Amino acid sequence: MSERRQLIGLAYRLLGSLADAEDVVQETYARWYAMSPQRREAVDSPGAWLTTVASRICLDLLTSARARRERYVGAWVPEPLPGPIEAGSADPADRVTLDESVGMAFLVVLESMTPAERVAFVLHDVFGYPFADVAGIVGRSPAACRQLASSARRRVRDARPAGAPASRRAAVVGDFKRAWEAGDIEALVALLDPGATVVADGGGLVSAVLHPLEGPEQIARYAVDLAGRVAGMAFRERTVNGQPGLVAERGGDVVAVLAFDVAGDRITRIWAVRNPEKLRRWTSGPAS
């Protein structure tokens, strides 16, 4: 059971869904306990065995997910993770180490990779597994896995401009919140990069823009219009995937979680998750 934290973290990074990650870990342990005690005793490294099985299950799921995502209504955004909850919480989200490799921008880049690229890259670059071990999981040669990870690394590098320090990110997101609450279009535009985009995920279950919004003016006007149409909506500053973000609430219920990418003093990307199936782990925090 000491491996459970790592398995949850691995599967979440590979799948972008904490619910799916939990299912993978459950299936991995089911396969472990389905073996006879003698076979389990014969396993030299239970941790390595569990990681191999979990990774292979994720690889299969990633392959089938491509077809499911093509049928998904609107954009698919990874499930957002809340910040650390009270000590001792049993929530699996607390078992995912909140570093840059679970930032929303990073997870979105992972979504652009082939399943084999994603598994090879996460296992080697994030979790430090040697390519000889990765090869046995992916079903390729170590040299091929090295190439897969190298290709994935280029994708990450090309998609990730130099980000702002955490304190600056928090300040920019806080300014955005206050400008949004005030309905100040000019202030919102000033906080958005000229190439800023907003991607919303409603999953076909709630209303959400189906195509990305592009440009500061369009984004600012849409945000102000939305706040005006939805009475009683309040915003709170919360940690989203280890980075400063916002939560929109109405009547005490979380109706959206927003993750931000910030470069310098400007917001470059916003991911707005409205799909209620991806918001089940979010609870109201202290007002801010």
C-alpha atoms as a PDB file:
ATOM      1  CA  MET A   1       0.000   0.000   0.000  1.00  0.00           C
ATOM      2  CA  SER A   2       3.019   2.289   0.374  1.00  0.00           C
ATOM      3  CA  GLU A   3       3.109   2.467  -3.440  1.00  0.00           C
ATOM      4  CA  ARG A   4      -0.414   3.869  -3.711  1.00  0.00           C
ATOM      5  CA  ARG A   5       0.634   7.539  -3.621  1.00  0.00           C
ATOM      6  CA  GLN A   6       3.016   7.104  -6.541  1.00  0.00           C
ATOM      7  CA  LEU A   7       0.532   5.028  -8.538  1.00  0.00           C
ATOM      8  CA  ILE A   8      -2.200   7.647  -8.158  1.00  0.00           C
ATOM      9  CA  GLY A   9       0.229  10.385  -9.195  1.00  0.00           C
ATOM     10  CA  LEU A  10       1.475   8.408 -12.188  1.00  0.00           C
ATOM     11  CA  ALA A  11      -1.992   7.498 -13.453  1.00  0.00           C
ATOM     12  CA  TYR A  12      -3.324  11.044 -13.023  1.00  0.00           C
ATOM     13  CA  ARG A  13      -0.470  12.494 -15.068  1.00  0.00           C
ATOM     14  CA  LEU A  14      -0.984   9.892 -17.772  1.00  0.00           C
ATOM     15  CA  LEU A  15      -4.779  10.161 -17.966  1.00  0.00           C
ATOM     16  CA  GLY A  16      -5.585  13.705 -16.821  1.00  0.00           C
ATOM     17  CA  SER A  17      -8.443  12.351 -14.717  1.00  0.00           C
ATOM     18  CA  LEU A  18      -8.281  11.580 -11.009  1.00  0.00           C
ATOM     19  CA  ALA A  19     -11.388   9.400 -11.259  1.00  0.00           C
ATOM     20  CA  ASP A  20      -9.781   7.299 -13.995  1.00  0.00           C
ATOM     21  CA  ALA A  21      -6.520   7.224 -12.024  1.00  0.00           C
ATOM     22  CA  GLU A  22      -8.326   5.765  -9.013  1.00  0.00           C
ATOM     23  CA  ASP A  23      -9.927   3.118 -11.234  1.00  0.00           C
ATOM     24  CA  VAL A  24      -6.514   2.196 -12.648  1.00  0.00           C
ATOM     25  CA  VAL A  25      -5.015   1.789  -9.191  1.00  0.00           C
ATOM     26  CA  GLN A  26      -7.983  -0.317  -8.056  1.00  0.00           C
ATOM     27  CA  GLU A  27      -7.573  -2.568 -11.093  1.00  0.00           C
ATOM     28  CA  THR A  28      -3.819  -2.808 -10.480  1.00  0.00           C
ATOM     29  CA  TYR A  29      -4.341  -3.936  -6.911  1.00  0.00           C
ATOM     30  CA  ALA A  30      -7.088  -6.347  -7.996  1.00  0.00           C
ATOM     31  CA  ARG A  31      -4.581  -8.022 -10.311  1.00  0.00           C
ATOM     32  CA  TRP A  32      -1.987  -8.129  -7.529  1.00  0.00           C
ATOM     33  CA  TYR A  33      -4.328  -9.827  -5.078  1.00  0.00           C
ATOM     34  CA  ALA A  34      -5.653 -12.161  -7.768  1.00  0.00           C
ATOM     35  CA  MET A  35      -2.252 -13.830  -7.799  1.00  0.00           C
ATOM     36  CA  SER A  36      -1.532 -16.620  -5.379  1.00  0.00           C
ATOM     37  CA  PRO A  37       0.533 -15.786  -2.275  1.00  0.00           C
ATOM     38  CA  GLN A  38       3.360 -17.835  -3.741  1.00  0.00           C
ATOM     39  CA  ARG A  39       3.405 -15.771  -6.960  1.00  0.00           C
ATOM     40  CA  ARG A  40       3.316 -12.523  -4.998  1.00  0.00           C
ATOM     41  CA  GLU A  41       6.230 -13.719  -2.849  1.00  0.00           C
ATOM     42  CA  ALA A  42       8.184 -14.454  -6.021  1.00  0.00           C
ATOM     43  CA  VAL A  43       7.962 -10.819  -7.184  1.00  0.00           C
ATOM     44  CA  ASP A  44      11.332  -9.222  -6.450  1.00  0.00           C
ATOM     45  CA  SER A  45       9.995  -5.650  -6.445  1.00  0.00           C
ATOM     46  CA  PRO A  46       6.259  -5.246  -5.800  1.00  0.00           C
ATOM     47  CA  GLY A  47       6.554  -1.505  -6.484  1.00  0.00           C
ATOM     48  CA  ALA A  48       8.033  -2.083  -9.925  1.00  0.00           C
ATOM     49  CA  TRP A  49       5.401  -4.726 -10.675  1.00  0.00           C
ATOM     50  CA  LEU A  50       2.556  -2.415  -9.666  1.00  0.00           C
ATOM     51  CA  THR A  51       3.996   0.480 -11.680  1.00  0.00           C
ATOM     52  CA  THR A  52       4.389  -1.717 -14.760  1.00  0.00           C
ATOM     53  CA  VAL A  53       0.819  -2.998 -14.557  1.00  0.00           C
ATOM     54  CA  ALA A  54      -0.660   0.453 -13.861  1.00  0.00           C
ATOM     55  CA  SER A  55       1.300   1.965 -16.762  1.00  0.00           C
ATOM     56  CA  ARG A  56       0.122  -0.725 -19.163  1.00  0.00           C
ATOM     57  CA  ILE A  57      -3.499  -0.209 -18.105  1.00  0.00           C
ATOM     58  CA  CYS A  58      -3.064   3.538 -18.668  1.00  0.00           C
ATOM     59  CA  LEU A  59      -1.512   2.912 -22.079  1.00  0.00           C
ATOM     60  CA  ASP A  60      -4.548   0.858 -23.086  1.00  0.00           C
ATOM     61  CA  LEU A  61      -6.902   3.531 -21.756  1.00  0.00           C
ATOM     62  CA  LEU A  62      -5.036   6.304 -23.579  1.00  0.00           C
ATOM     63  CA  THR A  63      -5.373   4.409 -26.838  1.00  0.00           C
ATOM     64  CA  SER A  64      -9.144   3.984 -26.411  1.00  0.00           C
ATOM     65  CA  ALA A  65      -9.545   7.538 -25.051  1.00  0.00           C
ATOM     66  CA  ARG A  66      -8.669   8.996 -28.448  1.00  0.00           C
ATOM     67  CA  ALA A  67     -11.941   7.715 -29.903  1.00  0.00           C
ATOM     68  CA  ARG A  68     -13.932   8.814 -26.834  1.00  0.00           C
ATOM     69  CA  ARG A  69     -12.473  12.319 -26.935  1.00  0.00           C
ATOM     70  CA  GLU A  70     -13.482  12.674 -30.584  1.00  0.00           C
ATOM     71  CA  ARG A  71     -17.110  12.203 -29.482  1.00  0.00           C
ATOM     72  CA  TYR A  72     -16.780  14.550 -26.506  1.00  0.00           C
ATOM     73  CA  VAL A  73     -18.952  17.666 -26.747  1.00  0.00           C
ATOM     74  CA  GLY A  74     -16.665  20.692 -26.967  1.00  0.00           C
ATOM     75  CA  ALA A  75     -13.096  20.799 -25.685  1.00  0.00           C
ATOM     76  CA  TRP A  76     -11.764  18.184 -23.239  1.00  0.00           C
ATOM     77  CA  VAL A  77      -9.738  19.717 -20.393  1.00  0.00           C
ATOM     78  CA  PRO A  78      -7.953  17.615 -17.735  1.00  0.00           C
ATOM     79  CA  GLU A  79      -9.772  17.266 -14.417  1.00  0.00           C
ATOM     80  CA  PRO A  80      -8.642  20.134 -12.148  1.00  0.00           C
ATOM     81  CA  LEU A  81      -7.096  19.264  -8.795  1.00  0.00           C
ATOM     82  CA  PRO A  82      -7.879  21.270  -5.658  1.00  0.00           C
ATOM     83  CA  GLY A  83      -5.045  22.424  -3.419  1.00  0.00           C
ATOM     84  CA  PRO A  84      -3.996  20.520  -0.309  1.00  0.00           C
ATOM     85  CA  ILE A  85      -6.919  19.839   1.981  1.00  0.00           C
ATOM     86  CA  GLU A  86      -6.740  19.426   5.722  1.00  0.00           C
ATOM     87  CA  ALA A  87      -4.046  17.106   7.008  1.00  0.00           C
ATOM     88  CA  GLY A  88      -5.137  13.524   7.154  1.00  0.00           C
ATOM     89  CA  SER A  89      -7.641  13.820   4.334  1.00  0.00           C
ATOM     90  CA  ALA A  90      -8.296  10.535   2.547  1.00  0.00           C
ATOM     91  CA  ASP A  91      -8.940  12.297  -0.753  1.00  0.00           C
ATOM     92  CA  PRO A  92      -6.743  10.760  -3.480  1.00  0.00           C
ATOM     93  CA  ALA A  93      -6.061  14.289  -4.741  1.00  0.00           C
ATOM     94  CA  ASP A  94      -3.840  14.747  -1.707  1.00  0.00           C
ATOM     95  CA  ARG A  95      -1.724  11.829  -2.871  1.00  0.00           C
ATOM     96  CA  VAL A  96      -0.780  13.619  -6.097  1.00  0.00           C
ATOM     97  CA  THR A  97       2.381  15.654  -5.605  1.00  0.00           C
ATOM     98  CA  LEU A  98       1.518  19.150  -6.791  1.00  0.00           C
ATOM     99  CA  ASP A  99       4.576  20.126  -8.791  1.00  0.00           C
ATOM    100  CA  GLU A 100       4.921  21.535 -12.308  1.00  0.00           C
ATOM    101  CA  SER A 101       4.166  18.134 -13.826  1.00  0.00           C
ATOM    102  CA  VAL A 102       0.525  18.423 -12.742  1.00  0.00           C
ATOM    103  CA  GLY A 103       0.135  22.045 -13.810  1.00  0.00           C
ATOM    104  CA  MET A 104      -2.751  22.478 -16.245  1.00  0.00           C
ATOM    105  CA  ALA A 105      -0.465  23.797 -18.997  1.00  0.00           C
ATOM    106  CA  PHE A 106       1.767  20.736 -18.660  1.00  0.00           C
ATOM    107  CA  LEU A 107      -1.171  18.307 -18.701  1.00  0.00           C
ATOM    108  CA  VAL A 108      -2.620  19.980 -21.801  1.00  0.00           C
ATOM    109  CA  VAL A 109       0.697  19.486 -23.614  1.00  0.00           C
ATOM    110  CA  LEU A 110       0.644  15.824 -22.576  1.00  0.00           C
ATOM    111  CA  GLU A 111      -2.770  15.545 -24.237  1.00  0.00           C
ATOM    112  CA  SER A 112      -1.160  16.411 -27.586  1.00  0.00           C
ATOM    113  CA  MET A 113       1.219  13.428 -27.400  1.00  0.00           C
ATOM    114  CA  THR A 114       0.724   9.912 -28.689  1.00  0.00           C
ATOM    115  CA  PRO A 115      -0.015   7.377 -25.924  1.00  0.00           C
ATOM    116  CA  ALA A 116       3.472   5.845 -26.258  1.00  0.00           C
ATOM    117  CA  GLU A 117       5.148   9.276 -26.124  1.00  0.00           C
ATOM    118  CA  ARG A 118       3.173  10.230 -23.050  1.00  0.00           C
ATOM    119  CA  VAL A 119       3.947   7.039 -21.140  1.00  0.00           C
ATOM    120  CA  ALA A 120       7.652   7.050 -22.063  1.00  0.00           C
ATOM    121  CA  PHE A 121       8.055  10.715 -21.170  1.00  0.00           C
ATOM    122  CA  VAL A 122       6.178  10.629 -17.853  1.00  0.00           C
ATOM    123  CA  LEU A 123       7.858   7.430 -16.679  1.00  0.00           C
ATOM    124  CA  HIS A 124      11.362   8.622 -17.577  1.00  0.00           C
ATOM    125  CA  ASP A 125      11.351  12.402 -17.178  1.00  0.00           C
ATOM    126  CA  VAL A 126       8.887  12.751 -14.288  1.00  0.00           C
ATOM    127  CA  PHE A 127       9.362   9.513 -12.348  1.00  0.00           C
ATOM    128  CA  GLY A 128      12.966   8.728 -13.303  1.00  0.00           C
ATOM    129  CA  TYR A 129      12.490   5.223 -14.698  1.00  0.00           C
ATOM    130  CA  PRO A 130      15.379   4.021 -16.912  1.00  0.00           C
ATOM    131  CA  PHE A 131      14.571   3.456 -20.565  1.00  0.00           C
ATOM    132  CA  ALA A 132      15.268  -0.269 -20.177  1.00  0.00           C
ATOM    133  CA  ASP A 133      12.297  -0.485 -17.795  1.00  0.00           C
ATOM    134  CA  VAL A 134      10.153   1.848 -19.890  1.00  0.00           C
ATOM    135  CA  ALA A 135      10.778  -0.365 -22.920  1.00  0.00           C
ATOM    136  CA  GLY A 136       9.223  -3.363 -21.193  1.00  0.00           C
ATOM    137  CA  ILE A 137       6.100  -1.327 -20.399  1.00  0.00           C
ATOM    138  CA  VAL A 138       5.632   0.379 -23.773  1.00  0.00           C
ATOM    139  CA  GLY A 139       6.638  -2.638 -25.855  1.00  0.00           C
ATOM    140  CA  ARG A 140       9.392  -0.794 -27.739  1.00  0.00           C
ATOM    141  CA  SER A 141      13.175  -0.962 -27.642  1.00  0.00           C
ATOM    142  CA  PRO A 142      15.045   1.271 -25.161  1.00  0.00           C
ATOM    143  CA  ALA A 143      16.360   3.304 -28.105  1.00  0.00           C
ATOM    144  CA  ALA A 144      12.830   3.801 -29.429  1.00  0.00           C
ATOM    145  CA  CYS A 145      11.642   4.877 -25.970  1.00  0.00           C
ATOM    146  CA  ARG A 146      14.494   7.351 -25.790  1.00  0.00           C
ATOM    147  CA  GLN A 147      13.281   8.843 -29.082  1.00  0.00           C
ATOM    148  CA  LEU A 148       9.684   8.947 -27.832  1.00  0.00           C
ATOM    149  CA  ALA A 149      10.719  10.830 -24.695  1.00  0.00           C
ATOM    150  CA  SER A 150      12.902  13.190 -26.722  1.00  0.00           C
ATOM    151  CA  SER A 151      10.007  14.010 -29.052  1.00  0.00           C
ATOM    152  CA  ALA A 152       7.726  14.588 -26.059  1.00  0.00           C
ATOM    153  CA  ARG A 153      10.348  16.804 -24.431  1.00  0.00           C
ATOM    154  CA  ARG A 154      10.446  19.018 -27.522  1.00  0.00           C
ATOM    155  CA  ARG A 155       6.671  19.376 -27.415  1.00  0.00           C
ATOM    156  CA  VAL A 156       6.841  20.512 -23.799  1.00  0.00           C
ATOM    157  CA  ARG A 157       9.688  22.917 -24.486  1.00  0.00           C
ATOM    158  CA  ASP A 158       8.002  24.424 -27.551  1.00  0.00           C
ATOM    159  CA  ALA A 159       4.677  24.882 -25.770  1.00  0.00           C
ATOM    160  CA  ARG A 160       5.999  26.325 -22.517  1.00  0.00           C
ATOM    161  CA  PRO A 161       7.225  29.914 -22.582  1.00  0.00           C
ATOM    162  CA  ALA A 162       9.014  31.158 -19.492  1.00  0.00           C
ATOM    163  CA  GLY A 163       6.337  31.354 -16.823  1.00  0.00           C
ATOM    164  CA  ALA A 164       5.947  34.004 -14.158  1.00  0.00           C
ATOM    165  CA  PRO A 165       6.997  33.373 -10.540  1.00  0.00           C
ATOM    166  CA  ALA A 166       4.254  31.976  -8.289  1.00  0.00           C
ATOM    167  CA  SER A 167       3.849  35.255  -6.407  1.00  0.00           C
ATOM    168  CA  ARG A 168       3.393  37.165  -9.657  1.00  0.00           C
ATOM    169  CA  ARG A 169       0.905  34.591 -10.957  1.00  0.00           C
ATOM    170  CA  ALA A 170      -1.147  34.986  -7.795  1.00  0.00           C
ATOM    171  CA  ALA A 171      -1.128  38.769  -8.104  1.00  0.00           C
ATOM    172  CA  VAL A 172      -2.238  38.679 -11.750  1.00  0.00           C
ATOM    173  CA  VAL A 173      -5.018  36.162 -11.047  1.00  0.00           C
ATOM    174  CA  GLY A 174      -6.162  38.261  -8.076  1.00  0.00           C
ATOM    175  CA  ASP A 175      -6.262  41.371 -10.255  1.00  0.00           C
ATOM    176  CA  PHE A 176      -8.267  39.445 -12.858  1.00  0.00           C
ATOM    177  CA  LYS A 177     -10.768  38.360 -10.202  1.00  0.00           C
ATOM    178  CA  ARG A 178     -11.292  41.907  -8.964  1.00  0.00           C
ATOM    179  CA  ALA A 179     -11.629  43.321 -12.495  1.00  0.00           C
ATOM    180  CA  TRP A 180     -14.134  40.586 -13.366  1.00  0.00           C
ATOM    181  CA  GLU A 181     -16.198  41.267 -10.246  1.00  0.00           C
ATOM    182  CA  ALA A 182     -16.187  44.979 -11.083  1.00  0.00           C
ATOM    183  CA  GLY A 183     -17.151  44.353 -14.706  1.00  0.00           C
ATOM    184  CA  ASP A 184     -14.141  46.417 -15.756  1.00  0.00           C
ATOM    185  CA  ILE A 185     -13.517  45.431 -19.383  1.00  0.00           C
ATOM    186  CA  GLU A 186     -10.584  47.801 -19.774  1.00  0.00           C
ATOM    187  CA  ALA A 187      -8.788  46.356 -16.739  1.00  0.00           C
ATOM    188  CA  LEU A 188      -9.441  42.795 -17.954  1.00  0.00           C
ATOM    189  CA  VAL A 189      -8.043  43.572 -21.394  1.00  0.00           C
ATOM    190  CA  ALA A 190      -4.911  45.031 -19.782  1.00  0.00           C
ATOM    191  CA  LEU A 191      -4.337  41.768 -17.888  1.00  0.00           C
ATOM    192  CA  LEU A 192      -4.652  39.563 -20.988  1.00  0.00           C
ATOM    193  CA  ASP A 193      -1.872  38.799 -23.432  1.00  0.00           C
ATOM    194  CA  PRO A 194      -2.612  39.845 -27.055  1.00  0.00           C
ATOM    195  CA  GLY A 195      -2.652  36.145 -27.983  1.00  0.00           C
ATOM    196  CA  ALA A 196      -4.693  35.024 -24.959  1.00  0.00           C
ATOM    197  CA  THR A 197      -7.139  32.136 -25.347  1.00  0.00           C
ATOM    198  CA  VAL A 198      -9.907  30.641 -23.217  1.00  0.00           C
ATOM    199  CA  VAL A 199     -10.861  26.968 -23.502  1.00  0.00           C
ATOM    200  CA  ALA A 200     -14.035  25.810 -21.734  1.00  0.00           C
ATOM    201  CA  ASP A 201     -15.071  22.244 -20.879  1.00  0.00           C
ATOM    202  CA  GLY A 202     -18.759  21.614 -20.243  1.00  0.00           C
ATOM    203  CA  GLY A 203     -18.781  18.060 -21.549  1.00  0.00           C
ATOM    204  CA  GLY A 204     -22.219  18.609 -23.063  1.00  0.00           C
ATOM    205  CA  LEU A 205     -23.682  18.518 -19.545  1.00  0.00           C
ATOM    206  CA  VAL A 206     -23.776  22.283 -18.938  1.00  0.00           C
ATOM    207  CA  SER A 207     -23.513  25.311 -21.188  1.00  0.00           C
ATOM    208  CA  ALA A 208     -19.986  26.282 -22.240  1.00  0.00           C
ATOM    209  CA  VAL A 209     -18.426  27.831 -25.322  1.00  0.00           C
ATOM    210  CA  LEU A 210     -17.619  25.010 -27.745  1.00  0.00           C
ATOM    211  CA  HIS A 211     -14.683  26.731 -29.417  1.00  0.00           C
ATOM    212  CA  PRO A 212     -11.766  28.659 -27.880  1.00  0.00           C
ATOM    213  CA  LEU A 213     -12.220  32.371 -27.299  1.00  0.00           C
ATOM    214  CA  GLU A 214      -9.275  34.341 -28.664  1.00  0.00           C
ATOM    215  CA  GLY A 215      -8.038  37.863 -28.014  1.00  0.00           C
ATOM    216  CA  PRO A 216      -8.294  40.126 -24.942  1.00  0.00           C
ATOM    217  CA  GLU A 217     -11.327  42.103 -26.121  1.00  0.00           C
ATOM    218  CA  GLN A 218     -13.473  39.070 -26.905  1.00  0.00           C
ATOM    219  CA  ILE A 219     -12.486  37.300 -23.684  1.00  0.00           C
ATOM    220  CA  ALA A 220     -13.089  40.363 -21.503  1.00  0.00           C
ATOM    221  CA  ARG A 221     -16.496  41.111 -22.993  1.00  0.00           C
ATOM    222  CA  TYR A 222     -17.584  37.484 -22.714  1.00  0.00           C
ATOM    223  CA  ALA A 223     -16.486  37.307 -19.056  1.00  0.00           C
ATOM    224  CA  VAL A 224     -18.354  40.479 -18.112  1.00  0.00           C
ATOM    225  CA  ASP A 225     -21.452  39.405 -20.036  1.00  0.00           C
ATOM    226  CA  LEU A 226     -21.397  35.999 -18.355  1.00  0.00           C
ATOM    227  CA  ALA A 227     -21.131  37.491 -14.867  1.00  0.00           C
ATOM    228  CA  GLY A 228     -24.039  39.782 -15.669  1.00  0.00           C
ATOM    229  CA  ARG A 229     -26.251  36.936 -16.893  1.00  0.00           C
ATOM    230  CA  VAL A 230     -25.558  34.558 -14.005  1.00  0.00           C
ATOM    231  CA  ALA A 231     -26.973  36.161 -10.894  1.00  0.00           C
ATOM    232  CA  GLY A 232     -25.334  35.455  -7.564  1.00  0.00           C
ATOM    233  CA  MET A 233     -22.035  34.139  -8.938  1.00  0.00           C
ATOM    234  CA  ALA A 234     -19.067  34.666  -6.617  1.00  0.00           C
ATOM    235  CA  PHE A 235     -15.368  34.087  -7.238  1.00  0.00           C
ATOM    236  CA  ARG A 236     -12.771  32.698  -4.865  1.00  0.00           C
ATOM    237  CA  GLU A 237      -9.021  32.469  -5.251  1.00  0.00           C
ATOM    238  CA  ARG A 238      -8.006  28.823  -4.936  1.00  0.00           C
ATOM    239  CA  THR A 239      -5.036  26.679  -5.845  1.00  0.00           C
ATOM    240  CA  VAL A 240      -5.729  24.746  -9.046  1.00  0.00           C
ATOM    241  CA  ASN A 241      -3.228  22.032  -9.947  1.00  0.00           C
ATOM    242  CA  GLY A 242      -0.622  23.669  -7.767  1.00  0.00           C
ATOM    243  CA  GLN A 243      -1.036  27.119  -9.341  1.00  0.00           C
ATOM    244  CA  PRO A 244      -3.136  30.196  -8.487  1.00  0.00           C
ATOM    245  CA  GLY A 245      -6.626  29.848  -9.931  1.00  0.00           C
ATOM    246  CA  LEU A 246     -10.242  30.810  -9.423  1.00  0.00           C
ATOM    247  CA  VAL A 247     -13.395  28.979  -8.434  1.00  0.00           C
ATOM    248  CA  ALA A 248     -16.825  30.282  -9.438  1.00  0.00           C
ATOM    249  CA  GLU A 249     -19.650  29.496  -7.021  1.00  0.00           C
ATOM    250  CA  ARG A 250     -23.371  30.002  -7.096  1.00  0.00           C
ATOM    251  CA  GLY A 251     -25.596  29.261  -4.144  1.00  0.00           C
ATOM    252  CA  GLY A 252     -22.721  27.525  -2.388  1.00  0.00           C
ATOM    253  CA  ASP A 253     -22.097  25.148  -5.302  1.00  0.00           C
ATOM    254  CA  VAL A 254     -18.940  25.176  -7.386  1.00  0.00           C
ATOM    255  CA  VAL A 255     -20.006  25.793 -10.991  1.00  0.00           C
ATOM    256  CA  ALA A 256     -16.592  26.345 -12.610  1.00  0.00           C
ATOM    257  CA  VAL A 257     -12.889  26.025 -11.890  1.00  0.00           C
ATOM    258  CA  LEU A 258     -10.470  28.235 -13.802  1.00  0.00           C
ATOM    259  CA  ALA A 259      -6.785  27.485 -14.309  1.00  0.00           C
ATOM    260  CA  PHE A 260      -4.432  30.136 -15.676  1.00  0.00           C
ATOM    261  CA  ASP A 261      -1.158  30.320 -17.540  1.00  0.00           C
ATOM    262  CA  VAL A 262       0.702  33.569 -16.880  1.00  0.00           C
ATOM    263  CA  ALA A 263       3.778  34.936 -18.648  1.00  0.00           C
ATOM    264  CA  GLY A 264       5.247  38.145 -17.319  1.00  0.00           C
ATOM    265  CA  ASP A 265       2.343  40.328 -16.235  1.00  0.00           C
ATOM    266  CA  ARG A 266      -0.204  38.912 -18.666  1.00  0.00           C
ATOM    267  CA  ILE A 267      -2.538  35.931 -18.758  1.00  0.00           C
ATOM    268  CA  THR A 268      -1.857  33.823 -21.822  1.00  0.00           C
ATOM    269  CA  ARG A 269      -4.342  30.991 -21.350  1.00  0.00           C
ATOM    270  CA  ILE A 270      -7.406  30.222 -19.261  1.00  0.00           C
ATOM    271  CA  TRP A 271      -8.956  26.774 -18.912  1.00  0.00           C
ATOM    272  CA  ALA A 272     -12.520  26.909 -17.555  1.00  0.00           C
ATOM    273  CA  VAL A 273     -13.832  23.537 -16.402  1.00  0.00           C
ATOM    274  CA  ARG A 274     -17.610  23.450 -16.029  1.00  0.00           C
ATOM    275  CA  ASN A 275     -18.281  19.735 -16.511  1.00  0.00           C
ATOM    276  CA  PRO A 276     -19.876  18.798 -13.154  1.00  0.00           C
ATOM    277  CA  GLU A 277     -18.334  15.319 -13.305  1.00  0.00           C
ATOM    278  CA  LYS A 278     -14.915  16.975 -13.052  1.00  0.00           C
ATOM    279  CA  LEU A 279     -15.896  19.244 -10.151  1.00  0.00           C
ATOM    280  CA  ARG A 280     -16.969  16.650  -7.588  1.00  0.00           C
ATOM    281  CA  ARG A 281     -13.864  17.066  -5.451  1.00  0.00           C
ATOM    282  CA  TRP A 282     -14.197  20.819  -5.113  1.00  0.00           C
ATOM    283  CA  THR A 283     -15.640  22.323  -1.964  1.00  0.00           C
ATOM    284  CA  SER A 284     -16.003  25.881  -0.827  1.00  0.00           C
ATOM    285  CA  GLY A 285     -12.922  27.276   0.834  1.00  0.00           C
ATOM    286  CA  PRO A 286     -12.457  30.405   2.859  1.00  0.00           C
ATOM    287  CA  ALA A 287     -13.494  33.585   1.107  1.00  0.00           C
ATOM    288  CA  SER A 288     -10.710  35.588  -0.494  1.00  0.00           C
END
